[in-house]
């Protein structure tokens, strides 16, 4: 049973883990009644989590309820490649515009991340802010809107990657590297690191089963 703290967020995280890991495979229905019993919580937080996942495209609505809509390996890869191309274009436009105090603040936050669960939350918050800086300082509202759209679509996989605490240190190092390159206005290095960072988020059960 889940702890009765931030129940909607916990239900969301548990659903993401089960969907991306393949426990709930593509096409499987997700009845609210079953999930409330499984998680030991009321319908309201379960419903909120399901709506959030539907908005991100990881599940899709049915006349009654939802079902898993996990894309296949090719579609998932294409989704991350599109996001990567858009964000790299934004980076080219933003790298000389992002204020140094913004990158310095994020670098300090990442280097001082606490341990345990708070470390994951802090690192995720810093990651979100890093991508928001690139988006918001690109100087093109249409490009920024597209990036935000693709960021929402890839959010479940990004979150799943961050659940693995053993990898958290490496993920923090990735973000520090990107921000440092932006701070130095080293576009070539920042592009290389950002591309790797985004495409590394393309993980899921389809890829694992394909091996």
Protein backbone atom coordinates (compact mmCIF):
# COMPACT_ATOMS: atom_id res chain seq x y z
CA UNK A 1 0.00 0.00 0.00
CA UNK A 2 1.12 3.55 -0.70
CA UNK A 3 1.86 6.05 2.04
CA UNK A 4 -0.94 8.57 2.45
CA UNK A 5 1.23 11.57 1.47
CA UNK A 6 0.91 13.28 -1.94
CA UNK A 7 -1.28 10.37 -3.01
CA UNK A 8 -1.87 11.61 -6.55
CA UNK A 9 1.87 12.00 -7.19
CA UNK A 10 2.59 8.59 -5.68
CA UNK A 11 -0.13 6.96 -7.77
CA UNK A 12 1.29 8.65 -10.87
CA UNK A 13 4.83 7.43 -10.11
CA UNK A 14 3.64 3.89 -9.43
CA UNK A 15 1.64 3.81 -12.67
CA UNK A 16 4.58 5.14 -14.68
CA UNK A 17 6.87 2.46 -13.23
CA UNK A 18 4.40 -0.32 -14.02
CA UNK A 19 3.64 0.92 -17.54
CA UNK A 20 7.19 1.74 -18.65
CA UNK A 21 8.57 -1.45 -17.08
CA UNK A 22 5.96 -3.53 -18.92
CA UNK A 23 4.04 -4.70 -15.84
CA UNK A 24 1.02 -3.04 -17.43
CA UNK A 25 1.55 -3.81 -21.15
CA UNK A 26 0.23 -1.83 -24.12
CA UNK A 27 -3.52 -2.21 -24.50
CA UNK A 28 -4.20 -3.26 -20.91
CA UNK A 29 -7.18 -1.56 -19.33
CA UNK A 30 -6.72 0.32 -16.05
CA UNK A 31 -9.96 0.19 -14.04
CA UNK A 32 -10.10 2.76 -11.25
CA UNK A 33 -11.62 0.22 -8.88
CA UNK A 34 -8.72 -2.21 -9.34
CA UNK A 35 -6.10 0.52 -8.86
CA UNK A 36 -7.72 1.91 -5.71
CA UNK A 37 -7.61 -1.56 -4.16
CA UNK A 38 -4.05 -2.24 -5.35
CA UNK A 39 -2.72 1.10 -4.07
CA UNK A 40 -4.93 1.23 -0.97
CA UNK A 41 -6.15 4.78 -1.65
CA UNK A 42 -9.38 6.50 -2.69
CA UNK A 43 -10.53 7.08 -6.25
CA UNK A 44 -9.77 10.80 -6.36
CA UNK A 45 -5.93 10.61 -6.38
CA UNK A 46 -6.07 7.61 -8.74
CA UNK A 47 -8.31 9.56 -11.11
CA UNK A 48 -5.97 12.58 -10.97
CA UNK A 49 -2.97 10.38 -11.79
CA UNK A 50 -4.79 8.75 -14.71
CA UNK A 51 -5.78 12.12 -16.14
CA UNK A 52 -2.18 13.31 -15.89
CA UNK A 53 -0.93 10.22 -17.73
CA UNK A 54 -3.62 10.65 -20.40
CA UNK A 55 -2.51 14.26 -20.97
CA UNK A 56 1.06 12.99 -21.42
CA UNK A 57 -0.05 10.30 -23.87
CA UNK A 58 1.08 7.27 -21.87
CA UNK A 59 -2.51 6.05 -21.54
CA UNK A 60 -5.58 6.74 -23.64
CA UNK A 61 -9.25 7.21 -22.65
CA UNK A 62 -11.93 4.62 -23.33
CA UNK A 63 -15.71 5.12 -23.15
CA UNK A 64 -15.28 3.91 -19.58
CA UNK A 65 -11.81 4.18 -18.06
CA UNK A 66 -8.35 4.10 -19.65
CA UNK A 67 -5.94 1.71 -21.30
CA UNK A 68 -2.17 1.68 -21.74
CA UNK A 69 -1.09 3.29 -25.02
CA UNK A 70 2.64 2.65 -24.93
CA UNK A 71 4.26 3.42 -28.33
CA UNK A 72 6.40 0.81 -30.01
CA UNK A 73 10.20 1.13 -30.09
CA UNK A 74 10.26 3.06 -33.37
CA UNK A 75 7.57 5.54 -32.30
CA UNK A 76 9.24 6.08 -28.94
CA UNK A 77 12.60 6.72 -30.57
CA UNK A 78 11.05 9.14 -33.06
CA UNK A 79 9.36 11.02 -30.19
CA UNK A 80 12.68 11.57 -28.42
CA UNK A 81 14.49 12.42 -31.66
CA UNK A 82 11.92 15.13 -32.44
CA UNK A 83 12.25 16.58 -28.97
CA UNK A 84 16.04 16.50 -29.30
CA UNK A 85 16.06 18.31 -32.65
CA UNK A 86 13.76 21.03 -31.35
CA UNK A 87 15.71 21.57 -28.16
CA UNK A 88 19.07 21.64 -29.93
CA UNK A 89 17.72 24.35 -32.22
CA UNK A 90 16.52 26.28 -29.17
CA UNK A 91 19.93 25.86 -27.53
CA UNK A 92 21.65 27.51 -30.51
CA UNK A 93 19.42 30.54 -30.10
CA UNK A 94 19.47 30.64 -26.30
CA UNK A 95 23.06 29.94 -25.30
CA UNK A 96 24.19 33.58 -25.38
CA UNK A 97 20.96 34.88 -23.85
CA UNK A 98 20.63 32.81 -20.67
CA UNK A 99 21.74 34.95 -17.70
CA UNK A 100 24.81 33.65 -15.89
CA UNK A 101 23.05 33.92 -12.53
CA UNK A 102 20.41 31.48 -13.76
CA UNK A 103 22.95 28.79 -14.67
CA UNK A 104 25.00 29.49 -11.55
CA UNK A 105 21.96 29.00 -9.34
CA UNK A 106 21.12 25.67 -10.94
CA UNK A 107 24.71 24.47 -10.80
CA UNK A 108 24.83 25.26 -7.10
CA UNK A 109 21.55 23.42 -6.50
CA UNK A 110 22.79 20.31 -8.33
CA UNK A 111 26.13 20.26 -6.55
CA UNK A 112 24.41 20.52 -3.18
CA UNK A 113 21.69 17.92 -3.81
CA UNK A 114 20.63 16.15 -0.61
CA UNK A 115 20.64 12.38 -0.32
CA UNK A 116 17.78 9.92 -0.62
CA UNK A 117 14.32 10.76 -1.97
CA UNK A 118 14.91 14.50 -1.62
CA UNK A 119 17.94 14.19 -3.93
CA UNK A 120 15.79 12.73 -6.71
CA UNK A 121 13.15 15.43 -6.34
CA UNK A 122 15.76 18.19 -6.25
CA UNK A 123 17.57 16.79 -9.29
CA UNK A 124 14.31 16.48 -11.24
CA UNK A 125 13.35 20.04 -10.36
CA UNK A 126 16.76 21.30 -11.50
CA UNK A 127 16.46 19.29 -14.73
CA UNK A 128 13.06 20.79 -15.45
CA UNK A 129 14.39 24.27 -14.84
CA UNK A 130 17.43 23.63 -17.06
CA UNK A 131 15.25 22.63 -20.01
CA UNK A 132 12.91 25.54 -19.29
CA UNK A 133 15.85 27.97 -19.53
CA UNK A 134 16.76 26.65 -22.96
CA UNK A 135 13.14 26.86 -24.07
CA UNK A 136 12.31 30.25 -22.57
CA UNK A 137 15.44 32.05 -23.80
CA UNK A 138 15.33 30.76 -27.38
CA UNK A 139 13.44 33.88 -28.44
CA UNK A 140 10.81 32.05 -30.49
CA UNK A 141 7.40 31.45 -28.92
CA UNK A 142 6.33 28.85 -31.48
CA UNK A 143 9.51 26.82 -30.95
CA UNK A 144 9.11 27.15 -27.17
CA UNK A 145 5.52 25.87 -27.36
CA UNK A 146 6.56 22.85 -29.43
CA UNK A 147 9.34 22.00 -26.99
CA UNK A 148 6.94 22.21 -24.06
CA UNK A 149 4.54 19.88 -25.87
CA UNK A 150 7.23 17.27 -26.53
CA UNK A 151 8.59 17.65 -23.02
CA UNK A 152 5.16 16.67 -21.65
CA UNK A 153 4.99 13.66 -23.96
CA UNK A 154 8.39 12.37 -22.85
CA UNK A 155 7.90 13.22 -19.14
CA UNK A 156 6.90 9.69 -18.01
CA UNK A 157 10.08 8.17 -19.46
CA UNK A 158 12.20 10.97 -18.03
CA UNK A 159 10.62 10.37 -14.63
CA UNK A 160 11.10 6.60 -14.89
CA UNK A 161 14.79 7.07 -15.63
CA UNK A 162 15.13 9.14 -12.46
CA UNK A 163 13.50 6.49 -10.25
CA UNK A 164 16.70 4.47 -10.40
CA UNK A 165 18.60 6.00 -7.49
CA UNK A 166 21.76 4.11 -8.46
CA UNK A 167 21.95 6.29 -11.58
CA UNK A 168 21.15 9.56 -9.87
CA UNK A 169 24.80 10.56 -9.43
CA UNK A 170 25.44 10.10 -13.17
CA UNK A 171 22.31 12.05 -14.08
CA UNK A 172 23.33 14.94 -11.85
CA UNK A 173 26.78 14.91 -13.49
CA UNK A 174 25.12 15.04 -16.95
CA UNK A 175 23.15 18.13 -15.98
CA UNK A 176 26.14 19.83 -14.42
CA UNK A 177 28.09 19.24 -17.65
CA UNK A 178 25.35 20.75 -19.82
CA UNK A 179 24.88 23.78 -17.59
CA UNK A 180 28.63 24.35 -17.33
CA UNK A 181 28.94 24.34 -21.12
CA UNK A 182 26.04 26.79 -21.40
CA UNK A 183 27.63 28.98 -18.74
CA UNK A 184 30.89 28.97 -20.76
CA UNK A 185 28.90 29.56 -24.00
CA UNK A 186 30.58 26.49 -25.48
CA UNK A 187 27.87 25.63 -28.01
CA UNK A 188 29.54 22.57 -29.51
CA UNK A 189 30.03 20.93 -26.12
CA UNK A 190 26.59 21.92 -24.87
CA UNK A 191 24.93 20.47 -28.01
CA UNK A 192 26.80 17.18 -27.69
CA UNK A 193 25.96 16.77 -24.01
CA UNK A 194 22.33 17.86 -24.38
CA UNK A 195 21.73 15.46 -27.28
CA UNK A 196 23.12 12.55 -25.30
CA UNK A 197 21.14 13.55 -22.21
CA UNK A 198 17.81 13.70 -24.05
CA UNK A 199 18.25 10.53 -26.11
CA UNK A 200 19.35 8.59 -23.02
CA UNK A 201 15.86 9.21 -21.66
CA UNK A 202 14.40 7.01 -24.41
CA UNK A 203 13.99 3.87 -22.32
CA UNK A 204 11.13 1.48 -21.87
CA UNK A 205 9.99 -2.15 -21.98
CA UNK A 206 9.87 -2.24 -25.78
CA UNK A 207 13.60 -1.55 -26.00
CA UNK A 208 14.40 -4.06 -23.28
CA UNK A 209 12.36 -6.82 -24.94
CA UNK A 210 13.94 -6.15 -28.32
CA UNK A 211 17.36 -7.37 -27.14
